[in-house]
Structure formats: structure tokens, C-alpha cells
Amino acid sequence: MDPLRYLCEQRGYFTRAMAREVGYDDKAVSLMVRKKHWHRFRRGYYCLTDIWKSLDPVSRHLVRCRAVLHSLGGERVALSHVSGLVAHGIDVWGYPLDRVHVTRLDGASSRLEGDVVHHRGASTSAEIVELDGLRVFAPARCAIEHGTRATSESALVSFDAALRARRCTIEDLAAAFQRMGDWPGARHLHIPLRMADGAAESVGESRGRWLFWSFGLPAPLLQYEVRDENGDLRGICDWCWPERRTMGEFDGRSKYGRLLRPGIEPGDVVFAEKRREDELRELTGMSMVRLVWEDYERPRITAARLSRLLGAA
């Protein structure tokens, strides 16, 4: 196997020095980049273009994180903020992933340096863990740090995700907020922190919860179970307003991708989902409302629609 391909598959990148070790001089490196066989994502760091194109934005950010820690040295910094969340496998939304965030452990000052944001903050060794060779701050701290620089909606998404993935508890988040509550940008986090709930199973569900709160709509029950007359579970809805006789679900494209098994046509999946919805409505006597990503791009219109449906119900 090509040793550079092996490096990309294992760690996501190789350096110019690594390429030189297997026979590529500077001229050859430049040629490979010019012909788009290699992709240079930061100075001195490369990935095979076909592998880089196969990565989603979160995976690319994780590769950047590995490259940055390699270049800065493992003892001087640790991943934090949104980069720490990505390293912990916690969902993020609504925040750019073009720069890696690290917190200095050597007392160096805060600064922006190319594709790296250096933060200065008090820390202890107990707050730092090692994940697959990466030094990273604890999940709760990363979540609160991220929230200080993000919107309340983005913070709620990651708070819910951290709880859902069991990377931390609500008590951990509350303790981290208490320690960092006077940090710049932290004051708005008391609302998403009170709302945080690991029962929200996706980014889309968390965004829906934020929309409901923002426009004064009733808070729904999460993961509402529907059972038949024998007590057998027939389905679980993302949201439910029992007193309004309304159920709700978020329909992201990834949901149908998960349901699409080998040999099953997309139309079959949609039909099966429609039959499931019909059954849930028949069993409960409730109506069903569905939201998609586009609905969150027009929040006022979506909120007005939901208000009418919930009010009518």
C-alpha cells in the first residue's frame, strides 16, 4: 500500500517531511498538489484529494485538529471550544469549522494565528483527557466554552448532544457554567442550559425545541410513545403536545437514509413512513405535524403555522 495513503487513512494527513521520507522532493510535492492528486489544507500538511473529498465538514475539522496539535506540540495546548466538542464526538451546528480552537497550557496569550484560534484560560490537569492521541478538555467545559462564542440555539444543540451521547451529565454542565459564568459571552447560556435534554435525538429536534421556545409555543413532551390496545409499542414521536392533540416529527434526509436498507427503494421507505404515521394518528386520535430543515430557515412563518395548528387542535 502507498504509505502516504496509509497515513491519510490512519490519521487523516501527512506532512511535507513525511512525503520527503518516501521520495518526494519539494518539486514533486508541488506537482502533486498542482495536479490535484494531493490537497494541502494547511501549510505543510496534506491529504490525498480523493480521501479529503470523501470527508464531511466535521471529519475535515477533526483532521485539522490532529494536524494543529502535531504542529504545536502535545504539551503546550489542548483542544477546546467547538474543536473539543468535535473531538468528543458531540454534534455541533451553526458555527464555522474553518479554524481549530485550542487553549494554551503554557501561559501564552490569546491570538488568532492562521487557521488556529489560541485561547488563554485557567485550567487544571484534571480537566484534560486524551482521546485517540488528542489532548482535549472535558466535554462539559468544551460545551460551555463553545456556547460563549455561539448563539443560544447552537449552544442548545450541543448541550442536548452532549447529554444524548452521555459524554457528561446535566450536573457537569451546570458545574462548568458556574465556574465560567462570568466569562465574556456566557450570560445568555442560562436559558439553553435550563432547556438541555438528552432525550432530543438529533440536531433537527433540538433546533425545533429552540424554535418552540423562541416564539412562545408550548414545550412538547419528547420521544412520546404510542402503544396499541395490547400495550405494544407502535411508534415513538419526536414531540407531542397531548393537551393540544398534536404529535410532531422532524424529517431530515439522514433519517430516511438510516431507514434505507439494502434492496429497499426510497419510495418504499416513504410509503412505510406514511403508513406508520397513519397508524399513530388512528391510535391516538391526534394530528401530526412535520418539520424539515427548510422550515428553520423561515422561523416566523413556521412558528405561525405551528401556532395555528396547535391552536386549532
C-alpha atoms as a PDB file:
ATOM      1  CA  MET A   1       0.000   0.000   0.000  1.00  0.00           C
ATOM      2  CA  ASP A   2       1.058   3.585  -0.659  1.00  0.00           C
ATOM      3  CA  PRO A   3       2.497   4.738   2.714  1.00  0.00           C
ATOM      4  CA  LEU A   4       1.002   8.199   2.293  1.00  0.00           C
ATOM      5  CA  ARG A   5      -2.441   6.730   1.689  1.00  0.00           C
ATOM      6  CA  TYR A   6      -1.998   4.621   4.808  1.00  0.00           C
ATOM      7  CA  LEU A   7      -1.144   7.745   6.818  1.00  0.00           C
ATOM      8  CA  CYS A   8      -4.232   9.542   5.498  1.00  0.00           C
ATOM      9  CA  GLU A   9      -6.455   6.598   6.344  1.00  0.00           C
ATOM     10  CA  GLN A  10      -4.994   6.325   9.856  1.00  0.00           C
ATOM     11  CA  ARG A  11      -4.527   9.946  10.963  1.00  0.00           C
ATOM     12  CA  GLY A  12      -6.034  11.962   8.114  1.00  0.00           C
ATOM     13  CA  TYR A  13      -2.894  13.713   6.903  1.00  0.00           C
ATOM     14  CA  PHE A  14       0.785  13.582   6.108  1.00  0.00           C
ATOM     15  CA  THR A  15       3.383  16.334   6.248  1.00  0.00           C
ATOM     16  CA  ARG A  16       5.860  17.583   3.690  1.00  0.00           C
ATOM     17  CA  ALA A  17       8.596  15.960   5.780  1.00  0.00           C
ATOM     18  CA  MET A  18       6.779  12.623   5.686  1.00  0.00           C
ATOM     19  CA  ALA A  19       6.418  12.875   1.910  1.00  0.00           C
ATOM     20  CA  ARG A  20      10.132  13.626   1.630  1.00  0.00           C
ATOM     21  CA  GLU A  21      10.930  10.477   3.584  1.00  0.00           C
ATOM     22  CA  VAL A  22       9.210   8.326   0.949  1.00  0.00           C
ATOM     23  CA  GLY A  23      10.883  10.019  -2.001  1.00  0.00           C
ATOM     24  CA  TYR A  24       9.004  13.219  -2.852  1.00  0.00           C
ATOM     25  CA  ASP A  25      11.197  16.306  -3.063  1.00  0.00           C
ATOM     26  CA  ASP A  26       9.739  19.824  -2.893  1.00  0.00           C
ATOM     27  CA  LYS A  27       9.252  19.969  -6.657  1.00  0.00           C
ATOM     28  CA  ALA A  28       7.381  16.661  -6.675  1.00  0.00           C
ATOM     29  CA  VAL A  29       5.177  17.776  -3.778  1.00  0.00           C
ATOM     30  CA  SER A  30       4.224  20.964  -5.639  1.00  0.00           C
ATOM     31  CA  LEU A  31       3.463  18.925  -8.752  1.00  0.00           C
ATOM     32  CA  MET A  32       1.159  16.544  -6.875  1.00  0.00           C
ATOM     33  CA  VAL A  33      -0.750  19.490  -5.406  1.00  0.00           C
ATOM     34  CA  ARG A  34      -0.937  21.280  -8.762  1.00  0.00           C
ATOM     35  CA  LYS A  35      -2.337  18.156 -10.426  1.00  0.00           C
ATOM     36  CA  LYS A  36      -4.866  17.894  -7.556  1.00  0.00           C
ATOM     37  CA  HIS A  37      -3.687  14.443  -6.507  1.00  0.00           C
ATOM     38  CA  TRP A  38      -2.934  15.904  -3.075  1.00  0.00           C
ATOM     39  CA  HIS A  39      -4.859  18.541  -1.164  1.00  0.00           C
ATOM     40  CA  ARG A  40      -2.954  20.989   1.026  1.00  0.00           C
ATOM     41  CA  PHE A  41      -5.333  22.003   3.830  1.00  0.00           C
ATOM     42  CA  ARG A  42      -2.784  23.956   5.870  1.00  0.00           C
ATOM     43  CA  ARG A  43       0.829  24.910   5.440  1.00  0.00           C
ATOM     44  CA  GLY A  44       2.970  21.770   5.335  1.00  0.00           C
ATOM     45  CA  TYR A  45       0.013  19.384   5.788  1.00  0.00           C
ATOM     46  CA  TYR A  46      -1.616  17.335   3.045  1.00  0.00           C
ATOM     47  CA  CYS A  47      -4.269  14.720   2.396  1.00  0.00           C
ATOM     48  CA  LEU A  48      -4.901  12.636  -0.703  1.00  0.00           C
ATOM     49  CA  THR A  49      -7.563  14.505  -2.649  1.00  0.00           C
ATOM     50  CA  ASP A  50      -9.952  11.575  -3.034  1.00  0.00           C
ATOM     51  CA  ILE A  51      -9.888  10.944   0.716  1.00  0.00           C
ATOM     52  CA  TRP A  52     -10.331  14.640   1.546  1.00  0.00           C
ATOM     53  CA  LYS A  53     -13.347  14.916  -0.774  1.00  0.00           C
ATOM     54  CA  SER A  54     -14.965  11.930   0.947  1.00  0.00           C
ATOM     55  CA  LEU A  55     -14.895  13.653   4.351  1.00  0.00           C
ATOM     56  CA  ASP A  56     -17.775  15.745   5.687  1.00  0.00           C
ATOM     57  CA  PRO A  57     -17.048  19.143   7.325  1.00  0.00           C
ATOM     58  CA  VAL A  58     -16.870  17.654  10.831  1.00  0.00           C
ATOM     59  CA  SER A  59     -14.419  14.941   9.761  1.00  0.00           C
ATOM     60  CA  ARG A  60     -12.281  17.530   7.976  1.00  0.00           C
ATOM     61  CA  HIS A  61     -12.231  19.631  11.125  1.00  0.00           C
ATOM     62  CA  LEU A  62     -11.039  16.641  13.122  1.00  0.00           C
ATOM     63  CA  VAL A  63      -8.184  16.149  10.641  1.00  0.00           C
ATOM     64  CA  ARG A  64      -7.291  19.826  11.080  1.00  0.00           C
ATOM     65  CA  CYS A  65      -7.318  19.308  14.841  1.00  0.00           C
ATOM     66  CA  ARG A  66      -4.828  16.445  14.552  1.00  0.00           C
ATOM     67  CA  ALA A  67      -2.587  18.475  12.277  1.00  0.00           C
ATOM     68  CA  VAL A  68      -2.660  21.526  14.557  1.00  0.00           C
ATOM     69  CA  LEU A  69      -1.781  19.529  17.676  1.00  0.00           C
ATOM     70  CA  HIS A  70       1.034  17.862  15.737  1.00  0.00           C
ATOM     71  CA  SER A  71       2.447  21.230  14.687  1.00  0.00           C
ATOM     72  CA  LEU A  72       2.077  22.935  18.089  1.00  0.00           C
ATOM     73  CA  GLY A  73       3.280  20.085  20.254  1.00  0.00           C
ATOM     74  CA  GLY A  74       1.159  17.978  22.559  1.00  0.00           C
ATOM     75  CA  GLU A  75       2.158  19.582  25.864  1.00  0.00           C
ATOM     76  CA  ARG A  76       1.541  23.242  25.097  1.00  0.00           C
ATOM     77  CA  VAL A  77      -2.131  23.225  24.084  1.00  0.00           C
ATOM     78  CA  ALA A  78      -5.329  21.182  24.294  1.00  0.00           C
ATOM     79  CA  LEU A  79      -8.376  21.211  22.037  1.00  0.00           C
ATOM     80  CA  SER A  80     -11.232  23.288  23.422  1.00  0.00           C
ATOM     81  CA  HIS A  81     -14.458  25.068  22.448  1.00  0.00           C
ATOM     82  CA  VAL A  82     -16.032  23.714  19.234  1.00  0.00           C
ATOM     83  CA  SER A  83     -12.904  21.682  18.389  1.00  0.00           C
ATOM     84  CA  GLY A  84     -13.123  19.924  21.733  1.00  0.00           C
ATOM     85  CA  LEU A  85     -16.759  19.038  21.031  1.00  0.00           C
ATOM     86  CA  VAL A  86     -15.828  17.580  17.649  1.00  0.00           C
ATOM     87  CA  ALA A  87     -13.051  15.517  19.247  1.00  0.00           C
ATOM     88  CA  HIS A  88     -15.546  14.150  21.780  1.00  0.00           C
ATOM     89  CA  GLY A  89     -17.974  13.199  19.012  1.00  0.00           C
ATOM     90  CA  ILE A  90     -20.592  15.720  20.154  1.00  0.00           C
ATOM     91  CA  ASP A  91     -22.846  17.234  17.483  1.00  0.00           C
ATOM     92  CA  VAL A  92     -22.296  20.881  16.608  1.00  0.00           C
ATOM     93  CA  TRP A  93     -24.392  23.182  14.462  1.00  0.00           C
ATOM     94  CA  GLY A  94     -24.361  26.783  13.342  1.00  0.00           C
ATOM     95  CA  TYR A  95     -20.702  27.519  13.986  1.00  0.00           C
ATOM     96  CA  PRO A  96     -17.848  27.717  11.430  1.00  0.00           C
ATOM     97  CA  LEU A  97     -15.361  24.847  11.402  1.00  0.00           C
ATOM     98  CA  ASP A  98     -12.657  26.540   9.344  1.00  0.00           C
ATOM     99  CA  ARG A  99     -10.452  27.233  12.377  1.00  0.00           C
ATOM    100  CA  VAL A 100      -9.214  24.969  15.161  1.00  0.00           C
ATOM    101  CA  HIS A 101      -9.697  26.183  18.742  1.00  0.00           C
ATOM    102  CA  VAL A 102      -7.067  25.394  21.354  1.00  0.00           C
ATOM    103  CA  THR A 103      -6.479  26.620  24.895  1.00  0.00           C
ATOM    104  CA  ARG A 104      -2.909  27.389  25.897  1.00  0.00           C
ATOM    105  CA  LEU A 105      -1.461  25.343  28.733  1.00  0.00           C
ATOM    106  CA  ASP A 106       1.830  27.229  28.764  1.00  0.00           C
ATOM    107  CA  GLY A 107       0.522  30.683  29.657  1.00  0.00           C
ATOM    108  CA  ALA A 108       0.878  32.082  26.126  1.00  0.00           C
ATOM    109  CA  SER A 109      -1.521  34.847  25.133  1.00  0.00           C
ATOM    110  CA  SER A 110      -4.765  34.585  23.191  1.00  0.00           C
ATOM    111  CA  ARG A 111      -4.443  35.258  19.481  1.00  0.00           C
ATOM    112  CA  LEU A 112      -5.631  34.334  16.026  1.00  0.00           C
ATOM    113  CA  GLU A 113      -2.903  32.656  14.009  1.00  0.00           C
ATOM    114  CA  GLY A 114      -3.853  31.433  10.545  1.00  0.00           C
ATOM    115  CA  ASP A 115      -6.321  28.584  10.961  1.00  0.00           C
ATOM    116  CA  VAL A 116      -5.871  28.376  14.739  1.00  0.00           C
ATOM    117  CA  VAL A 117      -7.635  30.340  17.483  1.00  0.00           C
ATOM    118  CA  HIS A 118      -5.484  30.363  20.623  1.00  0.00           C
ATOM    119  CA  HIS A 119      -7.387  30.884  23.876  1.00  0.00           C
ATOM    120  CA  ARG A 120      -5.984  31.678  27.285  1.00  0.00           C
ATOM    121  CA  GLY A 121      -7.890  30.334  30.255  1.00  0.00           C
ATOM    122  CA  ALA A 122      -7.328  28.867  33.682  1.00  0.00           C
ATOM    123  CA  SER A 123      -7.208  25.085  33.672  1.00  0.00           C
ATOM    124  CA  THR A 124      -6.136  22.089  35.688  1.00  0.00           C
ATOM    125  CA  SER A 125      -4.759  18.754  34.587  1.00  0.00           C
ATOM    126  CA  ALA A 126      -7.959  17.098  35.852  1.00  0.00           C
ATOM    127  CA  GLU A 127      -9.912  18.941  33.143  1.00  0.00           C
ATOM    128  CA  ILE A 128      -7.866  17.429  30.316  1.00  0.00           C
ATOM    129  CA  VAL A 129      -8.340  13.982  28.842  1.00  0.00           C
ATOM    130  CA  GLU A 130      -6.665  12.134  25.997  1.00  0.00           C
ATOM    131  CA  LEU A 131      -8.808  10.783  23.166  1.00  0.00           C
ATOM    132  CA  ASP A 132      -7.192   8.709  20.444  1.00  0.00           C
ATOM    133  CA  GLY A 133      -3.929  10.592  20.909  1.00  0.00           C
ATOM    134  CA  LEU A 134      -5.539  14.042  21.173  1.00  0.00           C
ATOM    135  CA  ARG A 135      -5.317  16.244  24.269  1.00  0.00           C
ATOM    136  CA  VAL A 136      -8.753  17.763  24.819  1.00  0.00           C
ATOM    137  CA  PHE A 137     -10.648  19.460  27.597  1.00  0.00           C
ATOM    138  CA  ALA A 138     -13.557  17.689  29.302  1.00  0.00           C
ATOM    139  CA  PRO A 139     -16.868  17.677  27.380  1.00  0.00           C
ATOM    140  CA  ALA A 140     -18.813  19.923  29.765  1.00  0.00           C
ATOM    141  CA  ARG A 141     -16.153  22.609  29.683  1.00  0.00           C
ATOM    142  CA  CYS A 142     -15.925  22.457  25.881  1.00  0.00           C
ATOM    143  CA  ALA A 143     -19.715  22.793  25.631  1.00  0.00           C
ATOM    144  CA  ILE A 144     -19.831  25.899  27.834  1.00  0.00           C
ATOM    145  CA  GLU A 145     -16.775  27.403  26.106  1.00  0.00           C
ATOM    146  CA  HIS A 146     -18.419  26.853  22.738  1.00  0.00           C
ATOM    147  CA  GLY A 147     -21.621  28.422  23.988  1.00  0.00           C
ATOM    148  CA  THR A 148     -19.804  31.632  24.962  1.00  0.00           C
ATOM    149  CA  ARG A 149     -18.938  32.174  21.300  1.00  0.00           C
ATOM    150  CA  ALA A 150     -22.076  30.744  19.679  1.00  0.00           C
ATOM    151  CA  THR A 151     -25.776  31.536  19.561  1.00  0.00           C
ATOM    152  CA  SER A 152     -28.132  30.178  22.188  1.00  0.00           C
ATOM    153  CA  GLU A 153     -29.617  27.840  19.572  1.00  0.00           C
ATOM    154  CA  SER A 154     -26.188  26.460  18.698  1.00  0.00           C
ATOM    155  CA  ALA A 155     -25.420  26.029  22.397  1.00  0.00           C
ATOM    156  CA  LEU A 156     -28.657  24.101  22.982  1.00  0.00           C
ATOM    157  CA  VAL A 157     -27.852  21.763  20.089  1.00  0.00           C
ATOM    158  CA  SER A 158     -24.509  20.846  21.651  1.00  0.00           C
ATOM    159  CA  PHE A 159     -25.845  20.678  25.220  1.00  0.00           C
ATOM    160  CA  ASP A 160     -28.538  18.229  24.084  1.00  0.00           C
ATOM    161  CA  ALA A 161     -25.978  16.261  22.055  1.00  0.00           C
ATOM    162  CA  ALA A 162     -23.514  16.007  24.945  1.00  0.00           C
ATOM    163  CA  LEU A 163     -26.246  14.622  27.200  1.00  0.00           C
ATOM    164  CA  ARG A 164     -27.584  12.322  24.476  1.00  0.00           C
ATOM    165  CA  ALA A 165     -24.127  10.855  23.854  1.00  0.00           C
ATOM    166  CA  ARG A 166     -23.590  10.550  27.620  1.00  0.00           C
ATOM    167  CA  ARG A 167     -20.363  12.486  27.408  1.00  0.00           C
ATOM    168  CA  CYS A 168     -21.431  14.400  30.512  1.00  0.00           C
ATOM    169  CA  THR A 169     -24.413  14.965  32.800  1.00  0.00           C
ATOM    170  CA  ILE A 170     -26.599  17.986  33.332  1.00  0.00           C
ATOM    171  CA  GLU A 171     -24.813  18.416  36.675  1.00  0.00           C
ATOM    172  CA  ASP A 172     -21.474  18.542  34.832  1.00  0.00           C
ATOM    173  CA  LEU A 173     -22.794  21.261  32.523  1.00  0.00           C
ATOM    174  CA  ALA A 174     -24.200  23.226  35.449  1.00  0.00           C
ATOM    175  CA  ALA A 175     -20.909  22.993  37.357  1.00  0.00           C
ATOM    176  CA  ALA A 176     -18.931  24.131  34.313  1.00  0.00           C
ATOM    177  CA  PHE A 177     -21.313  27.049  33.819  1.00  0.00           C
ATOM    178  CA  GLN A 178     -20.931  28.030  37.465  1.00  0.00           C
ATOM    179  CA  ARG A 179     -17.152  28.135  37.045  1.00  0.00           C
ATOM    180  CA  MET A 180     -17.283  30.073  33.785  1.00  0.00           C
ATOM    181  CA  GLY A 181     -20.475  32.070  34.237  1.00  0.00           C
ATOM    182  CA  ASP A 182     -18.591  35.362  34.362  1.00  0.00           C
ATOM    183  CA  TRP A 183     -16.672  34.703  31.141  1.00  0.00           C
ATOM    184  CA  PRO A 184     -17.474  37.058  28.250  1.00  0.00           C
ATOM    185  CA  GLY A 185     -20.437  35.714  26.284  1.00  0.00           C
ATOM    186  CA  ALA A 186     -21.633  33.304  28.973  1.00  0.00           C
ATOM    187  CA  ARG A 187     -24.629  35.197  30.356  1.00  0.00           C
ATOM    188  CA  HIS A 188     -27.070  34.027  27.669  1.00  0.00           C
ATOM    189  CA  LEU A 189     -26.372  30.346  28.394  1.00  0.00           C
ATOM    190  CA  HIS A 190     -28.690  30.054  31.386  1.00  0.00           C
ATOM    191  CA  ILE A 191     -31.652  29.554  29.028  1.00  0.00           C
ATOM    192  CA  PRO A 192     -30.241  26.719  26.857  1.00  0.00           C
ATOM    193  CA  LEU A 193     -28.774  25.166  29.999  1.00  0.00           C
ATOM    194  CA  ARG A 194     -32.218  25.028  31.633  1.00  0.00           C
ATOM    195  CA  MET A 195     -33.648  23.566  28.422  1.00  0.00           C
ATOM    196  CA  ALA A 196     -30.921  20.952  27.842  1.00  0.00           C
ATOM    197  CA  ASP A 197     -32.360  17.461  27.500  1.00  0.00           C
ATOM    198  CA  GLY A 198     -30.646  14.343  26.222  1.00  0.00           C
ATOM    199  CA  ALA A 199     -33.980  12.956  25.015  1.00  0.00           C
ATOM    200  CA  ALA A 200     -33.699  15.147  21.910  1.00  0.00           C
ATOM    201  CA  GLU A 201     -32.285  12.650  19.419  1.00  0.00           C
ATOM    202  CA  SER A 202     -30.911  14.899  16.688  1.00  0.00           C
ATOM    203  CA  VAL A 203     -29.770  18.381  15.772  1.00  0.00           C
ATOM    204  CA  GLY A 204     -33.084  18.918  13.999  1.00  0.00           C
ATOM    205  CA  GLU A 205     -35.085  18.043  17.113  1.00  0.00           C
ATOM    206  CA  SER A 206     -33.016  20.416  19.256  1.00  0.00           C
ATOM    207  CA  ARG A 207     -33.490  23.231  16.749  1.00  0.00           C
ATOM    208  CA  GLY A 208     -37.206  22.576  16.829  1.00  0.00           C
ATOM    209  CA  ARG A 209     -37.206  22.887  20.615  1.00  0.00           C
ATOM    210  CA  TRP A 210     -35.432  26.237  20.340  1.00  0.00           C
ATOM    211  CA  LEU A 211     -37.936  27.473  17.775  1.00  0.00           C
ATOM    212  CA  PHE A 212     -40.858  26.480  20.022  1.00  0.00           C
ATOM    213  CA  TRP A 213     -39.345  28.359  22.979  1.00  0.00           C
ATOM    214  CA  SER A 214     -38.335  31.427  20.950  1.00  0.00           C
ATOM    215  CA  PHE A 215     -41.880  32.032  19.707  1.00  0.00           C
ATOM    216  CA  GLY A 216     -43.674  31.193  22.933  1.00  0.00           C
ATOM    217  CA  LEU A 217     -45.138  27.902  21.735  1.00  0.00           C
ATOM    218  CA  PRO A 218     -45.875  25.181  24.306  1.00  0.00           C
ATOM    219  CA  ALA A 219     -42.956  22.930  25.191  1.00  0.00           C
ATOM    220  CA  PRO A 220     -43.619  19.406  23.887  1.00  0.00           C
ATOM    221  CA  LEU A 221     -43.017  16.054  25.509  1.00  0.00           C
ATOM    222  CA  LEU A 222     -40.003  14.358  23.922  1.00  0.00           C
ATOM    223  CA  GLN A 223     -39.907  10.823  22.498  1.00  0.00           C
ATOM    224  CA  TYR A 224     -43.632  10.253  23.024  1.00  0.00           C
ATOM    225  CA  GLU A 225     -44.516   6.549  22.949  1.00  0.00           C
ATOM    226  CA  VAL A 226     -47.638   5.366  21.156  1.00  0.00           C
ATOM    227  CA  ARG A 227     -48.988   1.934  22.118  1.00  0.00           C
ATOM    228  CA  ASP A 228     -51.857  -0.143  20.805  1.00  0.00           C
ATOM    229  CA  GLU A 229     -54.735  -1.627  22.786  1.00  0.00           C
ATOM    230  CA  ASN A 230     -52.491  -4.533  23.867  1.00  0.00           C
ATOM    231  CA  GLY A 231     -49.844  -2.206  25.210  1.00  0.00           C
ATOM    232  CA  ASP A 232     -47.416  -2.973  22.395  1.00  0.00           C
ATOM    233  CA  LEU A 233     -45.202  -0.102  21.287  1.00  0.00           C
ATOM    234  CA  ARG A 234     -46.186   1.012  17.770  1.00  0.00           C
ATOM    235  CA  GLY A 235     -44.061   4.104  17.413  1.00  0.00           C
ATOM    236  CA  ILE A 236     -42.230   6.979  19.059  1.00  0.00           C
ATOM    237  CA  CYS A 237     -42.769  10.603  18.049  1.00  0.00           C
ATOM    238  CA  ASP A 238     -40.098  13.260  18.404  1.00  0.00           C
ATOM    239  CA  TRP A 239     -42.508  15.713  20.007  1.00  0.00           C
ATOM    240  CA  CYS A 240     -46.017  15.571  21.387  1.00  0.00           C
ATOM    241  CA  TRP A 241     -48.487  18.104  22.769  1.00  0.00           C
ATOM    242  CA  PRO A 242     -51.088  15.754  24.320  1.00  0.00           C
ATOM    243  CA  GLU A 243     -53.303  18.575  25.560  1.00  0.00           C
ATOM    244  CA  ARG A 244     -53.338  20.001  22.015  1.00  0.00           C
ATOM    245  CA  ARG A 245     -53.917  16.557  20.481  1.00  0.00           C
ATOM    246  CA  THR A 246     -50.898  17.011  18.227  1.00  0.00           C
ATOM    247  CA  MET A 247     -47.782  14.968  17.542  1.00  0.00           C
ATOM    248  CA  GLY A 248     -44.702  16.259  15.740  1.00  0.00           C
ATOM    249  CA  GLU A 249     -41.638  14.913  13.987  1.00  0.00           C
ATOM    250  CA  PHE A 250     -38.524  16.290  12.374  1.00  0.00           C
ATOM    251  CA  ASP A 251     -37.777  14.848   8.949  1.00  0.00           C
ATOM    252  CA  GLY A 252     -34.130  15.181   7.998  1.00  0.00           C
ATOM    253  CA  ARG A 253     -32.730  13.453   4.930  1.00  0.00           C
ATOM    254  CA  SER A 254     -30.428  11.413   7.161  1.00  0.00           C
ATOM    255  CA  LYS A 255     -33.481   9.862   8.825  1.00  0.00           C
ATOM    256  CA  TYR A 256     -34.594   8.233   5.605  1.00  0.00           C
ATOM    257  CA  GLY A 257     -31.018   7.256   4.833  1.00  0.00           C
ATOM    258  CA  ARG A 258     -30.924   5.255   8.070  1.00  0.00           C
ATOM    259  CA  LEU A 259     -34.162   3.513   7.127  1.00  0.00           C
ATOM    260  CA  LEU A 260     -32.939   2.658   3.631  1.00  0.00           C
ATOM    261  CA  ARG A 261     -31.698  -0.923   3.896  1.00  0.00           C
ATOM    262  CA  PRO A 262     -30.014  -2.792   1.010  1.00  0.00           C
ATOM    263  CA  GLY A 263     -32.536  -3.723  -1.648  1.00  0.00           C
ATOM    264  CA  ILE A 264     -35.137  -1.210  -0.409  1.00  0.00           C
ATOM    265  CA  GLU A 265     -36.206   1.586  -2.746  1.00  0.00           C
ATOM    266  CA  PRO A 266     -36.558   5.158  -1.414  1.00  0.00           C
ATOM    267  CA  GLY A 267     -40.231   5.148  -2.388  1.00  0.00           C
ATOM    268  CA  ASP A 268     -40.798   2.078  -0.234  1.00  0.00           C
ATOM    269  CA  VAL A 269     -39.315   3.845   2.770  1.00  0.00           C
ATOM    270  CA  VAL A 270     -41.516   6.910   2.273  1.00  0.00           C
ATOM    271  CA  PHE A 271     -44.607   4.711   1.883  1.00  0.00           C
ATOM    272  CA  ALA A 272     -43.756   2.755   5.046  1.00  0.00           C
ATOM    273  CA  GLU A 273     -43.290   6.002   6.973  1.00  0.00           C
ATOM    274  CA  LYS A 274     -46.657   7.236   5.707  1.00  0.00           C
ATOM    275  CA  ARG A 275     -48.344   4.022   6.901  1.00  0.00           C
ATOM    276  CA  ARG A 276     -46.629   4.417  10.271  1.00  0.00           C
ATOM    277  CA  GLU A 277     -47.942   7.968  10.589  1.00  0.00           C
ATOM    278  CA  ASP A 278     -51.459   6.866   9.671  1.00  0.00           C
ATOM    279  CA  GLU A 279     -51.345   4.183  12.350  1.00  0.00           C
ATOM    280  CA  LEU A 280     -50.127   6.594  15.029  1.00  0.00           C
ATOM    281  CA  ARG A 281     -52.872   9.071  14.175  1.00  0.00           C
ATOM    282  CA  GLU A 282     -55.525   6.352  14.257  1.00  0.00           C
ATOM    283  CA  LEU A 283     -54.335   5.012  17.624  1.00  0.00           C
ATOM    284  CA  THR A 284     -54.120   8.406  19.314  1.00  0.00           C
ATOM    285  CA  GLY A 285     -56.735  10.452  17.520  1.00  0.00           C
ATOM    286  CA  MET A 286     -54.097  13.163  17.221  1.00  0.00           C
ATOM    287  CA  SER A 287     -52.898  15.100  14.206  1.00  0.00           C
ATOM    288  CA  MET A 288     -49.280  15.032  13.016  1.00  0.00           C
ATOM    289  CA  VAL A 289     -47.081  17.980  12.090  1.00  0.00           C
ATOM    290  CA  ARG A 290     -43.708  17.534  10.387  1.00  0.00           C
ATOM    291  CA  LEU A 291     -40.790  19.945  10.160  1.00  0.00           C
ATOM    292  CA  VAL A 292     -37.839  19.851   7.753  1.00  0.00           C
ATOM    293  CA  TRP A 293     -34.579  21.799   7.601  1.00  0.00           C
ATOM    294  CA  GLU A 294     -36.094  24.467   5.347  1.00  0.00           C
ATOM    295  CA  ASP A 295     -38.710  25.273   7.993  1.00  0.00           C
ATOM    296  CA  TYR A 296     -35.962  26.501  10.304  1.00  0.00           C
ATOM    297  CA  GLU A 297     -34.793  28.957   7.656  1.00  0.00           C
ATOM    298  CA  ARG A 298     -38.170  30.731   7.849  1.00  0.00           C
ATOM    299  CA  PRO A 299     -38.804  30.631  11.604  1.00  0.00           C
ATOM    300  CA  ARG A 300     -41.584  33.236  11.788  1.00  0.00           C
ATOM    301  CA  ILE A 301     -43.630  31.542   9.086  1.00  0.00           C
ATOM    302  CA  THR A 302     -43.041  28.134  10.681  1.00  0.00           C
ATOM    303  CA  ALA A 303     -43.968  29.387  14.141  1.00  0.00           C
ATOM    304  CA  ALA A 304     -47.163  30.969  12.816  1.00  0.00           C
ATOM    305  CA  ARG A 305     -48.069  27.699  11.105  1.00  0.00           C
ATOM    306  CA  LEU A 306     -47.461  25.716  14.313  1.00  0.00           C
ATOM    307  CA  SER A 307     -49.413  28.238  16.361  1.00  0.00           C
ATOM    308  CA  ARG A 308     -52.416  27.820  14.063  1.00  0.00           C
ATOM    309  CA  LEU A 309     -52.199  24.023  14.138  1.00  0.00           C
ATOM    310  CA  LEU A 310     -51.777  23.819  17.918  1.00  0.00           C
ATOM    311  CA  GLY A 311     -54.466  26.398  18.472  1.00  0.00           C
ATOM    312  CA  ALA A 312     -56.911  24.651  16.175  1.00  0.00           C
ATOM    313  CA  ALA A 313     -56.200  21.328  17.843  1.00  0.00           C
END
